[in-house]
Amino acid sequence: MLDKNLVLLLKILMLIGITLILLGIYLHLYNATIESMGVNGIIISAACVAVGMILSIPTKMVITFMLVNREIKQAARQKARR
């Protein structure tokens, strides 16, 4: 898989994760149906937040590592040219 495709996939996963986190917060704070469900409603909203965090945090780390590797390669190329 090309780096561009991998970065695009990771960005999409990160966006889905952030969306799930926001959905969980919305469900917990503003949705009357979830509130009326009691403990099950809390579990549903917490599950949305948890899955969102699982999707968003590791992808940020991988994107950061890829960017660092790219900068290292560019610095090595610039050194080789001199």
PDB file of N, CA and C in Angstrom:
ATOM      1  N   MET A   1       0.843  -1.170   0.000  1.00  0.00           N
ATOM      2  CA  MET A   1       0.000   0.000   0.000  1.00  0.00           C
ATOM      3  C   MET A   1       0.896   1.244   0.000  1.00  0.00           C
ATOM      4  N   LEU A   2       0.569   2.195  -0.805  1.00  0.00           N
ATOM      5  CA  LEU A   2       1.346   3.416  -0.881  1.00  0.00           C
ATOM      6  C   LEU A   2       1.202   4.227   0.396  1.00  0.00           C
ATOM      7  N   ASP A   3       2.214   5.040   0.673  1.00  0.00           N
ATOM      8  CA  ASP A   3       2.162   5.876   1.870  1.00  0.00           C
ATOM      9  C   ASP A   3       0.969   6.821   1.845  1.00  0.00           C
ATOM     10  N   LYS A   4       0.665   7.360   0.660  1.00  0.00           N
ATOM     11  CA  LYS A   4      -0.475   8.279   0.557  1.00  0.00           C
ATOM     12  C   LYS A   4      -1.775   7.578   0.902  1.00  0.00           C
ATOM     13  N   ASN A   5      -1.944   6.357   0.408  1.00  0.00           N
ATOM     14  CA  ASN A   5      -3.163   5.606   0.702  1.00  0.00           C
ATOM     15  C   ASN A   5      -3.242   5.245   2.179  1.00  0.00           C
ATOM     16  N   LEU A   6      -2.108   4.891   2.754  1.00  0.00           N
ATOM     17  CA  LEU A   6      -2.079   4.549   4.172  1.00  0.00           C
ATOM     18  C   LEU A   6      -2.410   5.760   5.033  1.00  0.00           C
ATOM     19  N   VAL A   7      -1.837   6.893   4.696  1.00  0.00           N
ATOM     20  CA  VAL A   7      -2.126   8.117   5.450  1.00  0.00           C
ATOM     21  C   VAL A   7      -3.588   8.493   5.303  1.00  0.00           C
ATOM     22  N   LEU A   8      -4.140   8.360   4.095  1.00  0.00           N
ATOM     23  CA  LEU A   8      -5.555   8.651   3.887  1.00  0.00           C
ATOM     24  C   LEU A   8      -6.434   7.727   4.716  1.00  0.00           C
ATOM     25  N   LEU A   9      -6.115   6.442   4.746  1.00  0.00           N
ATOM     26  CA  LEU A   9      -6.873   5.487   5.543  1.00  0.00           C
ATOM     27  C   LEU A   9      -6.799   5.830   7.029  1.00  0.00           C
ATOM     28  N   LEU A  10      -5.613   6.179   7.507  1.00  0.00           N
ATOM     29  CA  LEU A  10      -5.459   6.530   8.911  1.00  0.00           C
ATOM     30  C   LEU A  10      -6.197   7.816   9.253  1.00  0.00           C
ATOM     31  N   LYS A  11      -6.203   8.772   8.352  1.00  0.00           N
ATOM     32  CA  LYS A  11      -6.944  10.004   8.586  1.00  0.00           C
ATOM     33  C   LYS A  11      -8.446   9.741   8.639  1.00  0.00           C
ATOM     34  N   ILE A  12      -8.922   8.854   7.781  1.00  0.00           N
ATOM     35  CA  ILE A  12     -10.345   8.494   7.805  1.00  0.00           C
ATOM     36  C   ILE A  12     -10.693   7.814   9.120  1.00  0.00           C
ATOM     37  N   LEU A  13      -9.849   6.889   9.565  1.00  0.00           N
ATOM     38  CA  LEU A  13     -10.088   6.229  10.850  1.00  0.00           C
ATOM     39  C   LEU A  13     -10.069   7.219  12.000  1.00  0.00           C
ATOM     40  N   MET A  14      -9.167   8.184  11.937  1.00  0.00           N
ATOM     41  CA  MET A  14      -9.094   9.195  12.974  1.00  0.00           C
ATOM     42  C   MET A  14     -10.364  10.044  12.980  1.00  0.00           C
ATOM     43  N   LEU A  15     -10.859  10.405  11.807  1.00  0.00           N
ATOM     44  CA  LEU A  15     -12.082  11.190  11.707  1.00  0.00           C
ATOM     45  C   LEU A  15     -13.283  10.404  12.240  1.00  0.00           C
ATOM     46  N   ILE A  16     -13.356   9.131  11.917  1.00  0.00           N
ATOM     47  CA  ILE A  16     -14.434   8.284  12.439  1.00  0.00           C
ATOM     48  C   ILE A  16     -14.337   8.201  13.963  1.00  0.00           C
ATOM     49  N   GLY A  17     -13.124   8.073  14.481  1.00  0.00           N
ATOM     50  CA  GLY A  17     -12.929   8.015  15.924  1.00  0.00           C
ATOM     51  C   GLY A  17     -13.381   9.282  16.623  1.00  0.00           C
ATOM     52  N   ILE A  18     -12.998  10.425  16.074  1.00  0.00           N
ATOM     53  CA  ILE A  18     -13.405  11.698  16.678  1.00  0.00           C
ATOM     54  C   ILE A  18     -14.920  11.858  16.600  1.00  0.00           C
ATOM     55  N   THR A  19     -15.513  11.427  15.502  1.00  0.00           N
ATOM     56  CA  THR A  19     -16.964  11.488  15.360  1.00  0.00           C
ATOM     57  C   THR A  19     -17.654  10.610  16.404  1.00  0.00           C
ATOM     58  N   LEU A  20     -17.116   9.416  16.635  1.00  0.00           N
ATOM     59  CA  LEU A  20     -17.702   8.541  17.656  1.00  0.00           C
ATOM     60  C   LEU A  20     -17.563   9.134  19.059  1.00  0.00           C
ATOM     61  N   ILE A  21     -16.448   9.789  19.332  1.00  0.00           N
ATOM     62  CA  ILE A  21     -16.279  10.440  20.628  1.00  0.00           C
ATOM     63  C   ILE A  21     -17.336  11.528  20.804  1.00  0.00           C
ATOM     64  N   LEU A  22     -17.515  12.345  19.774  1.00  0.00           N
ATOM     65  CA  LEU A  22     -18.525  13.405  19.853  1.00  0.00           C
ATOM     66  C   LEU A  22     -19.935  12.833  19.962  1.00  0.00           C
ATOM     67  N   LEU A  23     -20.204  11.733  19.259  1.00  0.00           N
ATOM     68  CA  LEU A  23     -21.504  11.076  19.363  1.00  0.00           C
ATOM     69  C   LEU A  23     -21.751  10.576  20.780  1.00  0.00           C
ATOM     70  N   GLY A  24     -20.742   9.963  21.383  1.00  0.00           N
ATOM     71  CA  GLY A  24     -20.877   9.482  22.753  1.00  0.00           C
ATOM     72  C   GLY A  24     -21.148  10.607  23.734  1.00  0.00           C
ATOM     73  N   ILE A  25     -20.465  11.731  23.543  1.00  0.00           N
ATOM     74  CA  ILE A  25     -20.695  12.885  24.421  1.00  0.00           C
ATOM     75  C   ILE A  25     -22.108  13.420  24.219  1.00  0.00           C
ATOM     76  N   TYR A  26     -22.540  13.515  22.963  1.00  0.00           N
ATOM     77  CA  TYR A  26     -23.898  13.977  22.687  1.00  0.00           C
ATOM     78  C   TYR A  26     -24.928  13.047  23.326  1.00  0.00           C
ATOM     79  N   LEU A  27     -24.746  11.749  23.148  1.00  0.00           N
ATOM     80  CA  LEU A  27     -25.688  10.794  23.719  1.00  0.00           C
ATOM     81  C   LEU A  27     -25.747  10.913  25.238  1.00  0.00           C
ATOM     82  N   HIS A  28     -24.608  11.083  25.855  1.00  0.00           N
ATOM     83  CA  HIS A  28     -24.550  11.143  27.320  1.00  0.00           C
ATOM     84  C   HIS A  28     -25.161  12.427  27.865  1.00  0.00           C
ATOM     85  N   LEU A  29     -24.946  13.538  27.185  1.00  0.00           N
ATOM     86  CA  LEU A  29     -25.381  14.819  27.745  1.00  0.00           C
ATOM     87  C   LEU A  29     -26.756  15.281  27.280  1.00  0.00           C
ATOM     88  N   TYR A  30     -27.134  14.989  26.037  1.00  0.00           N
ATOM     89  CA  TYR A  30     -28.316  15.646  25.477  1.00  0.00           C
ATOM     90  C   TYR A  30     -29.435  14.719  25.014  1.00  0.00           C
ATOM     91  N   ASN A  31     -29.246  13.439  24.939  1.00  0.00           N
ATOM     92  CA  ASN A  31     -30.250  12.531  24.405  1.00  0.00           C
ATOM     93  C   ASN A  31     -31.114  11.982  25.528  1.00  0.00           C
ATOM     94  N   ALA A  32     -32.413  12.258  25.458  1.00  0.00           N
ATOM     95  CA  ALA A  32     -33.330  11.826  26.509  1.00  0.00           C
ATOM     96  C   ALA A  32     -33.558  10.316  26.484  1.00  0.00           C
ATOM     97  N   THR A  33     -33.493   9.713  25.314  1.00  0.00           N
ATOM     98  CA  THR A  33     -33.700   8.269  25.217  1.00  0.00           C
ATOM     99  C   THR A  33     -32.599   7.514  25.954  1.00  0.00           C
ATOM    100  N   ILE A  34     -31.369   7.932  25.761  1.00  0.00           N
ATOM    101  CA  ILE A  34     -30.251   7.292  26.443  1.00  0.00           C
ATOM    102  C   ILE A  34     -30.371   7.507  27.950  1.00  0.00           C
ATOM    103  N   GLU A  35     -30.813   8.705  28.336  1.00  0.00           N
ATOM    104  CA  GLU A  35     -30.972   8.998  29.763  1.00  0.00           C
ATOM    105  C   GLU A  35     -32.046   8.112  30.384  1.00  0.00           C
ATOM    106  N   SER A  36     -33.121   7.865  29.653  1.00  0.00           N
ATOM    107  CA  SER A  36     -34.203   7.040  30.197  1.00  0.00           C
ATOM    108  C   SER A  36     -33.823   5.553  30.255  1.00  0.00           C
ATOM    109  N   MET A  37     -32.798   5.159  29.521  1.00  0.00           N
ATOM    110  CA  MET A  37     -32.367   3.757  29.530  1.00  0.00           C
ATOM    111  C   MET A  37     -31.576   3.402  30.785  1.00  0.00           C
ATOM    112  N   GLY A  38     -31.137   4.407  31.515  1.00  0.00           N
ATOM    113  CA  GLY A  38     -30.401   4.160  32.755  1.00  0.00           C
ATOM    114  C   GLY A  38     -28.984   3.686  32.498  1.00  0.00           C
ATOM    115  N   VAL A  39     -28.618   2.593  33.175  1.00  0.00           N
ATOM    116  CA  VAL A  39     -27.253   2.081  33.089  1.00  0.00           C
ATOM    117  C   VAL A  39     -26.924   1.634  31.668  1.00  0.00           C
ATOM    118  N   ASN A  40     -27.871   1.035  30.982  1.00  0.00           N
ATOM    119  CA  ASN A  40     -27.618   0.610  29.606  1.00  0.00           C
ATOM    120  C   ASN A  40     -27.305   1.803  28.696  1.00  0.00           C
ATOM    121  N   GLY A  41     -27.961   2.915  28.922  1.00  0.00           N
ATOM    122  CA  GLY A  41     -27.679   4.122  28.153  1.00  0.00           C
ATOM    123  C   GLY A  41     -26.275   4.636  28.409  1.00  0.00           C
ATOM    124  N   ILE A  42     -25.860   4.586  29.667  1.00  0.00           N
ATOM    125  CA  ILE A  42     -24.507   5.009  30.007  1.00  0.00           C
ATOM    126  C   ILE A  42     -23.493   4.096  29.336  1.00  0.00           C
ATOM    127  N   ILE A  43     -23.776   2.813  29.316  1.00  0.00           N
ATOM    128  CA  ILE A  43     -22.864   1.860  28.668  1.00  0.00           C
ATOM    129  C   ILE A  43     -22.768   2.136  27.169  1.00  0.00           C
ATOM    130  N   ILE A  44     -23.884   2.453  26.537  1.00  0.00           N
ATOM    131  CA  ILE A  44     -23.873   2.736  25.098  1.00  0.00           C
ATOM    132  C   ILE A  44     -23.050   3.982  24.796  1.00  0.00           C
ATOM    133  N   SER A  45     -23.279   5.048  25.567  1.00  0.00           N
ATOM    134  CA  SER A  45     -22.524   6.282  25.308  1.00  0.00           C
ATOM    135  C   SER A  45     -21.041   6.097  25.632  1.00  0.00           C
ATOM    136  N   ALA A  46     -20.735   5.358  26.686  1.00  0.00           N
ATOM    137  CA  ALA A  46     -19.328   5.104  27.030  1.00  0.00           C
ATOM    138  C   ALA A  46     -18.658   4.219  25.974  1.00  0.00           C
ATOM    139  N   ALA A  47     -19.395   3.288  25.410  1.00  0.00           N
ATOM    140  CA  ALA A  47     -18.842   2.431  24.362  1.00  0.00           C
ATOM    141  C   ALA A  47     -18.505   3.248  23.112  1.00  0.00           C
ATOM    142  N   CYS A  48     -19.356   4.213  22.774  1.00  0.00           N
ATOM    143  CA  CYS A  48     -19.061   5.089  21.630  1.00  0.00           C
ATOM    144  C   CYS A  48     -17.767   5.859  21.860  1.00  0.00           C
ATOM    145  N   VAL A  49     -17.616   6.410  23.064  1.00  0.00           N
ATOM    146  CA  VAL A  49     -16.406   7.168  23.380  1.00  0.00           C
ATOM    147  C   VAL A  49     -15.184   6.244  23.368  1.00  0.00           C
ATOM    148  N   ALA A  50     -15.315   5.050  23.936  1.00  0.00           N
ATOM    149  CA  ALA A  50     -14.181   4.126  24.008  1.00  0.00           C
ATOM    150  C   ALA A  50     -13.729   3.682  22.617  1.00  0.00           C
ATOM    151  N   VAL A  51     -14.666   3.318  21.767  1.00  0.00           N
ATOM    152  CA  VAL A  51     -14.308   2.891  20.414  1.00  0.00           C
ATOM    153  C   VAL A  51     -13.712   4.060  19.635  1.00  0.00           C
ATOM    154  N   GLY A  52     -14.265   5.244  19.851  1.00  0.00           N
ATOM    155  CA  GLY A  52     -13.712   6.430  19.199  1.00  0.00           C
ATOM    156  C   GLY A  52     -12.277   6.687  19.610  1.00  0.00           C
ATOM    157  N   MET A  53     -11.980   6.526  20.889  1.00  0.00           N
ATOM    158  CA  MET A  53     -10.604   6.718  21.359  1.00  0.00           C
ATOM    159  C   MET A  53      -9.682   5.648  20.800  1.00  0.00           C
ATOM    160  N   ILE A  54     -10.170   4.432  20.734  1.00  0.00           N
ATOM    161  CA  ILE A  54      -9.355   3.342  20.184  1.00  0.00           C
ATOM    162  C   ILE A  54      -9.001   3.636  18.727  1.00  0.00           C
ATOM    163  N   LEU A  55      -9.953   4.198  17.980  1.00  0.00           N
ATOM    164  CA  LEU A  55      -9.693   4.492  16.572  1.00  0.00           C
ATOM    165  C   LEU A  55      -8.837   5.734  16.372  1.00  0.00           C
ATOM    166  N   SER A  56      -8.962   6.718  17.241  1.00  0.00           N
ATOM    167  CA  SER A  56      -8.300   7.990  16.961  1.00  0.00           C
ATOM    168  C   SER A  56      -6.881   8.101  17.519  1.00  0.00           C
ATOM    169  N   ILE A  57      -6.613   7.591  18.683  1.00  0.00           N
ATOM    170  CA  ILE A  57      -5.305   7.805  19.309  1.00  0.00           C
ATOM    171  C   ILE A  57      -4.166   7.072  18.591  1.00  0.00           C
ATOM    172  N   PRO A  58      -4.260   5.788  18.305  1.00  0.00           N
ATOM    173  CA  PRO A  58      -3.141   5.119  17.630  1.00  0.00           C
ATOM    174  C   PRO A  58      -2.863   5.663  16.227  1.00  0.00           C
ATOM    175  N   THR A  59      -3.896   6.079  15.527  1.00  0.00           N
ATOM    176  CA  THR A  59      -3.666   6.591  14.182  1.00  0.00           C
ATOM    177  C   THR A  59      -2.872   7.888  14.223  1.00  0.00           C
ATOM    178  N   LYS A  60      -3.102   8.711  15.229  1.00  0.00           N
ATOM    179  CA  LYS A  60      -2.319   9.937  15.366  1.00  0.00           C
ATOM    180  C   LYS A  60      -0.846   9.601  15.585  1.00  0.00           C
ATOM    181  N   MET A  61      -0.587   8.582  16.380  1.00  0.00           N
ATOM    182  CA  MET A  61       0.796   8.186  16.639  1.00  0.00           C
ATOM    183  C   MET A  61       1.455   7.669  15.364  1.00  0.00           C
ATOM    184  N   VAL A  62       0.756   6.860  14.597  1.00  0.00           N
ATOM    185  CA  VAL A  62       1.324   6.299  13.368  1.00  0.00           C
ATOM    186  C   VAL A  62       1.597   7.405  12.357  1.00  0.00           C
ATOM    187  N   ILE A  63       0.667   8.347  12.221  1.00  0.00           N
ATOM    188  CA  ILE A  63       0.885   9.462  11.302  1.00  0.00           C
ATOM    189  C   ILE A  63       2.097  10.274  11.739  1.00  0.00           C
ATOM    190  N   THR A  64       2.251  10.492  13.044  1.00  0.00           N
ATOM    191  CA  THR A  64       3.404  11.236  13.553  1.00  0.00           C
ATOM    192  C   THR A  64       4.702  10.503  13.236  1.00  0.00           C
ATOM    193  N   PHE A  65       4.745   9.190  13.448  1.00  0.00           N
ATOM    194  CA  PHE A  65       5.939   8.409  13.141  1.00  0.00           C
ATOM    195  C   PHE A  65       6.267   8.458  11.650  1.00  0.00           C
ATOM    196  N   MET A  66       5.248   8.399  10.799  1.00  0.00           N
ATOM    197  CA  MET A  66       5.481   8.468   9.362  1.00  0.00           C
ATOM    198  C   MET A  66       6.056   9.829   8.973  1.00  0.00           C
ATOM    199  N   LEU A  67       5.541  10.883   9.576  1.00  0.00           N
ATOM    200  CA  LEU A  67       6.060  12.216   9.267  1.00  0.00           C
ATOM    201  C   LEU A  67       7.501  12.381   9.742  1.00  0.00           C
ATOM    202  N   VAL A  68       7.821  11.829  10.912  1.00  0.00           N
ATOM    203  CA  VAL A  68       9.193  11.894  11.413  1.00  0.00           C
ATOM    204  C   VAL A  68      10.127  11.129  10.485  1.00  0.00           C
ATOM    205  N   ASN A  69       9.716   9.952  10.048  1.00  0.00           N
ATOM    206  CA  ASN A  69      10.540   9.170   9.117  1.00  0.00           C
ATOM    207  C   ASN A  69      10.749   9.918   7.805  1.00  0.00           C
ATOM    208  N   ARG A  70       9.718  10.588   7.327  1.00  0.00           N
ATOM    209  CA  ARG A  70       9.843  11.356   6.092  1.00  0.00           C
ATOM    210  C   ARG A  70      10.850  12.489   6.268  1.00  0.00           C
ATOM    211  N   GLU A  71      10.803  13.179   7.403  1.00  0.00           N
ATOM    212  CA  GLU A  71      11.753  14.264   7.660  1.00  0.00           C
ATOM    213  C   GLU A  71      13.181  13.740   7.767  1.00  0.00           C
ATOM    214  N   ILE A  72      13.365  12.570   8.384  1.00  0.00           N
ATOM    215  CA  ILE A  72      14.698  11.977   8.488  1.00  0.00           C
ATOM    216  C   ILE A  72      15.240  11.637   7.100  1.00  0.00           C
ATOM    217  N   LYS A  73      14.392  11.067   6.248  1.00  0.00           N
ATOM    218  CA  LYS A  73      14.822  10.734   4.888  1.00  0.00           C
ATOM    219  C   LYS A  73      15.167  11.989   4.089  1.00  0.00           C
ATOM    220  N   GLN A  74      14.371  13.048   4.250  1.00  0.00           N
ATOM    221  CA  GLN A  74      14.662  14.291   3.542  1.00  0.00           C
ATOM    222  C   GLN A  74      15.973  14.907   4.030  1.00  0.00           C
ATOM    223  N   ALA A  75      16.221  14.846   5.331  1.00  0.00           N
ATOM    224  CA  ALA A  75      17.470  15.385   5.874  1.00  0.00           C
ATOM    225  C   ALA A  75      18.667  14.581   5.353  1.00  0.00           C
ATOM    226  N   ALA A  76      18.516  13.259   5.242  1.00  0.00           N
ATOM    227  CA  ALA A  76      19.599  12.421   4.726  1.00  0.00           C
ATOM    228  C   ALA A  76      19.866  12.733   3.255  1.00  0.00           C
ATOM    229  N   ARG A  77      18.806  12.979   2.482  1.00  0.00           N
ATOM    230  CA  ARG A  77      18.986  13.331   1.073  1.00  0.00           C
ATOM    231  C   ARG A  77      19.697  14.672   0.926  1.00  0.00           C
ATOM    232  N   GLN A  78      19.336  15.622   1.766  1.00  0.00           N
ATOM    233  CA  GLN A  78      19.982  16.934   1.699  1.00  0.00           C
ATOM    234  C   GLN A  78      21.457  16.841   2.097  1.00  0.00           C
ATOM    235  N   LYS A  79      21.775  15.993   3.073  1.00  0.00           N
ATOM    236  CA  LYS A  79      23.178  15.785   3.465  1.00  0.00           C
ATOM    237  C   LYS A  79      23.963  15.153   2.328  1.00  0.00           C
ATOM    238  N   ALA A  80      23.351  14.203   1.629  1.00  0.00           N
ATOM    239  CA  ALA A  80      24.023  13.502   0.535  1.00  0.00           C
ATOM    240  C   ALA A  80      24.292  14.441  -0.639  1.00  0.00           C
ATOM    241  N   ARG A  81      23.457  15.430  -0.843  1.00  0.00           N
ATOM    242  CA  ARG A  81      23.632  16.367  -1.943  1.00  0.00           C
ATOM    243  C   ARG A  81      24.782  17.335  -1.679  1.00  0.00           C
ATOM    244  N   ARG A  82      25.086  17.585  -0.443  1.00  0.00           N
ATOM    245  CA  ARG A  82      26.142  18.560  -0.103  1.00  0.00           C
ATOM    246  C   ARG A  82      27.486  18.004  -0.252  1.00  0.00           C
TER     247      ARG A  82
END
